[in-house]
Amino acid sequence: MSQINTFIFDVDGVLTDGIVNITTSGELIRNMHTKDGYALKTAINAGYNVCIISGGNNEGVRKRLQGLGITDIYLGAHHKMDVFEEYIDIYNIKPENILYMGDDIPDYPVMKIVGLPCCPKDAVPEIQDISKYISQKKGGKGCVRDVIEQVLKVQGKWNGQFDAKYD
């Protein structure tokens, strides 16, 4: 955790609980935990790179994440490795300095090459098997806050006193 300077997260099953509610008009509604939002904003304010790579393509998700200050948001990414390689090339980031949190098979290829692959408590077994850290929190229930807080504490950058504004 001491070498991490970049956080990459999946959305469904990590930032959300993986449940999608569908309205009669076809709108997809997801729930995100505000404590995860606070931690994401805190990481950004502390100077970490934060990136989202998701196969989903919901503009409501994009707006929520942009509202937290995240600028690197890749939605509709069905080949996550391609997006990952593009992202690390743009910012000249080494894979060993990246924490990636995923929960399902599409996250597997990227998780195999990053320095700190992590997952929520309810990730699929294949993802749990390759994770170096498994949060005791489920997806959408604070697992993102958990890993960010752990890294920032190890690096002496978490004290709960950051002036992070979030919704």
Protein backbone atom coordinates (compact mmCIF):
# COMPACT_ATOMS: atom_id res chain seq x y z
CA MET A 1 0.00 0.00 0.00
CA SER A 2 2.93 2.34 0.51
CA GLN A 3 3.68 2.51 -3.24
CA ILE A 4 0.15 3.32 -4.43
CA ASN A 5 -0.38 6.65 -6.21
CA THR A 6 -3.35 5.69 -8.39
CA PHE A 7 -6.79 4.24 -7.66
CA ILE A 8 -8.86 2.60 -10.40
CA PHE A 9 -12.38 1.38 -9.70
CA ASP A 10 -15.09 -0.52 -11.51
CA VAL A 11 -18.63 0.79 -10.96
CA ASP A 12 -21.25 -1.97 -10.81
CA GLY A 13 -20.53 -4.27 -7.88
CA VAL A 14 -17.82 -1.95 -6.48
CA LEU A 15 -19.15 1.61 -6.30
CA THR A 16 -22.67 0.15 -6.39
CA ASP A 17 -24.14 -3.00 -4.91
CA GLY A 18 -24.58 -4.41 -8.41
CA ILE A 19 -28.35 -4.11 -8.34
CA VAL A 20 -29.93 -2.08 -11.13
CA ASN A 21 -33.48 -0.85 -10.68
CA ILE A 22 -35.33 -0.30 -13.93
CA THR A 23 -38.15 2.22 -14.17
CA THR A 24 -41.13 1.72 -16.47
CA SER A 25 -39.53 4.17 -18.91
CA GLY A 26 -36.38 2.03 -19.01
CA GLU A 27 -34.17 4.29 -16.88
CA LEU A 28 -31.52 2.39 -14.92
CA ILE A 29 -31.10 3.50 -11.31
CA ARG A 30 -28.07 2.64 -9.17
CA ASN A 31 -27.18 3.43 -5.56
CA MET A 32 -23.78 4.72 -4.44
CA HIS A 33 -22.59 5.13 -0.86
CA THR A 34 -21.79 8.69 0.26
CA LYS A 35 -18.86 7.44 2.35
CA ASP A 36 -17.26 6.11 -0.84
CA GLY A 37 -17.84 9.55 -2.36
CA TYR A 38 -16.11 11.27 0.54
CA ALA A 39 -13.11 8.96 0.26
CA LEU A 40 -12.83 9.48 -3.51
CA LYS A 41 -12.89 13.25 -3.03
CA THR A 42 -10.34 12.95 -0.22
CA ALA A 43 -7.98 10.92 -2.43
CA ILE A 44 -8.25 13.52 -5.21
CA ASN A 45 -7.60 16.36 -2.75
CA ALA A 46 -4.56 14.47 -1.45
CA GLY A 47 -3.09 14.33 -4.97
CA TYR A 48 -3.84 10.75 -6.01
CA ASN A 49 -4.88 9.77 -9.52
CA VAL A 50 -8.43 8.40 -9.55
CA CYS A 51 -9.85 6.62 -12.57
CA ILE A 52 -13.11 4.79 -13.28
CA ILE A 53 -13.28 1.97 -15.84
CA SER A 54 -16.72 0.42 -16.29
CA GLY A 55 -18.52 -1.64 -18.88
CA GLY A 56 -21.71 0.21 -17.99
CA ASN A 57 -22.68 3.37 -19.81
CA ASN A 58 -24.96 5.40 -17.55
CA GLU A 59 -24.72 9.18 -17.78
CA GLY A 60 -26.10 9.54 -14.26
CA VAL A 61 -23.06 7.63 -13.02
CA ARG A 62 -20.77 9.94 -15.00
CA LYS A 63 -22.42 13.05 -13.52
CA ARG A 64 -22.11 11.73 -9.97
CA LEU A 65 -18.41 10.91 -10.42
CA GLN A 66 -17.66 14.21 -12.15
CA GLY A 67 -19.35 15.96 -9.23
CA LEU A 68 -16.75 14.35 -6.96
CA GLY A 69 -13.95 15.76 -9.12
CA ILE A 70 -13.08 12.61 -11.06
CA THR A 71 -12.04 13.48 -14.61
CA ASP A 72 -10.84 10.10 -15.90
CA ILE A 73 -14.10 8.23 -16.37
CA TYR A 74 -14.26 5.48 -18.98
CA LEU A 75 -17.79 4.14 -19.39
CA GLY A 76 -18.83 1.53 -21.95
CA ALA A 77 -15.36 -0.03 -21.64
CA HIS A 78 -15.96 -3.62 -22.64
CA HIS A 79 -12.23 -4.27 -23.11
CA LYS A 80 -10.87 -2.85 -19.87
CA MET A 81 -7.27 -3.74 -20.66
CA ASP A 82 -7.28 -1.44 -23.71
CA VAL A 83 -8.58 1.47 -21.64
CA PHE A 84 -6.17 0.68 -18.81
CA GLU A 85 -3.16 0.70 -21.15
CA GLU A 86 -4.27 3.99 -22.68
CA TYR A 87 -4.72 5.55 -19.23
CA ILE A 88 -1.33 4.51 -17.85
CA ASP A 89 0.36 5.68 -21.07
CA ILE A 90 -1.27 9.12 -20.88
CA TYR A 91 -0.18 9.66 -17.27
CA ASN A 92 3.03 7.60 -17.35
CA ILE A 93 1.90 5.44 -14.41
CA LYS A 94 3.58 2.17 -13.52
CA PRO A 95 1.22 -0.78 -12.92
CA GLU A 96 2.92 -1.55 -9.58
CA ASN A 97 1.74 1.84 -8.27
CA ILE A 98 -1.92 1.12 -8.99
CA LEU A 99 -4.69 -0.17 -6.74
CA TYR A 100 -7.50 -1.60 -8.87
CA MET A 101 -10.76 -2.69 -7.26
CA GLY A 102 -13.00 -4.98 -9.28
CA ASP A 103 -15.61 -7.58 -8.53
CA ASP A 104 -16.18 -9.74 -11.60
CA ILE A 105 -14.52 -11.49 -14.55
CA PRO A 106 -14.20 -8.40 -16.82
CA ASP A 107 -11.83 -6.93 -14.20
CA TYR A 108 -9.58 -10.01 -14.10
CA PRO A 109 -7.01 -9.14 -16.84
CA VAL A 110 -6.21 -5.70 -15.39
CA MET A 111 -6.17 -6.99 -11.82
CA LYS A 112 -3.54 -9.57 -12.76
CA ILE A 113 -0.98 -6.88 -13.60
CA VAL A 114 -1.53 -4.08 -11.07
CA GLY A 115 0.42 -3.71 -7.85
CA LEU A 116 -2.57 -4.01 -5.52
CA PRO A 117 -5.60 -5.87 -6.85
CA CYS A 118 -8.52 -5.52 -4.43
CA CYS A 119 -12.14 -6.53 -4.29
CA PRO A 120 -15.27 -6.18 -2.19
CA LYS A 121 -16.30 -8.96 0.16
CA ASP A 122 -18.95 -10.17 -2.31
CA ALA A 123 -16.76 -10.37 -5.42
CA VAL A 124 -16.83 -13.57 -7.48
CA PRO A 125 -14.39 -16.30 -6.34
CA GLU A 126 -12.02 -15.85 -9.30
CA ILE A 127 -11.50 -12.20 -8.37
CA GLN A 128 -11.12 -12.98 -4.68
CA ASP A 129 -8.43 -15.54 -5.57
CA ILE A 130 -6.20 -12.92 -7.24
CA SER A 131 -6.88 -10.08 -4.81
CA LYS A 132 -4.17 -9.04 -2.37
CA TYR A 133 -6.78 -7.24 -0.26
CA ILE A 134 -10.42 -8.24 0.17
CA SER A 135 -12.49 -5.56 1.87
CA GLN A 136 -14.80 -6.65 4.65
CA LYS A 137 -17.36 -4.34 3.01
CA LYS A 138 -19.59 -5.37 0.13
CA GLY A 139 -19.84 -3.55 -3.18
CA GLY A 140 -21.74 -0.29 -2.80
CA LYS A 141 -21.53 -0.57 0.97
CA GLY A 142 -18.27 1.27 1.67
CA CYS A 143 -15.60 -0.98 0.14
CA VAL A 144 -14.13 1.94 -1.84
CA ARG A 145 -13.87 4.02 1.33
CA ASP A 146 -12.20 1.07 3.03
CA VAL A 147 -9.37 0.66 0.50
CA ILE A 148 -8.76 4.38 0.05
CA GLU A 149 -8.65 4.90 3.79
CA GLN A 150 -6.26 1.96 4.25
CA VAL A 151 -3.81 3.33 1.65
CA LEU A 152 -3.96 6.90 2.91
CA LYS A 153 -3.44 5.75 6.51
CA VAL A 154 -0.39 3.68 5.54
CA GLN A 155 1.01 6.72 3.73
CA GLY A 156 0.18 9.11 6.59
CA LYS A 157 -2.32 11.08 4.52
CA TRP A 158 -5.59 10.16 6.23
CA ASN A 159 -6.69 12.02 9.29
CA GLY A 160 -10.35 12.63 8.63
CA GLN A 161 -9.68 16.37 8.64
CA PHE A 162 -9.58 17.03 4.90
CA ASP A 163 -11.96 19.72 3.74
CA ALA A 164 -13.51 17.54 1.05
CA LYS A 165 -16.83 18.70 -0.29
CA TYR A 166 -19.03 15.92 -1.58
CA ASP A 167 -22.66 15.10 -2.20
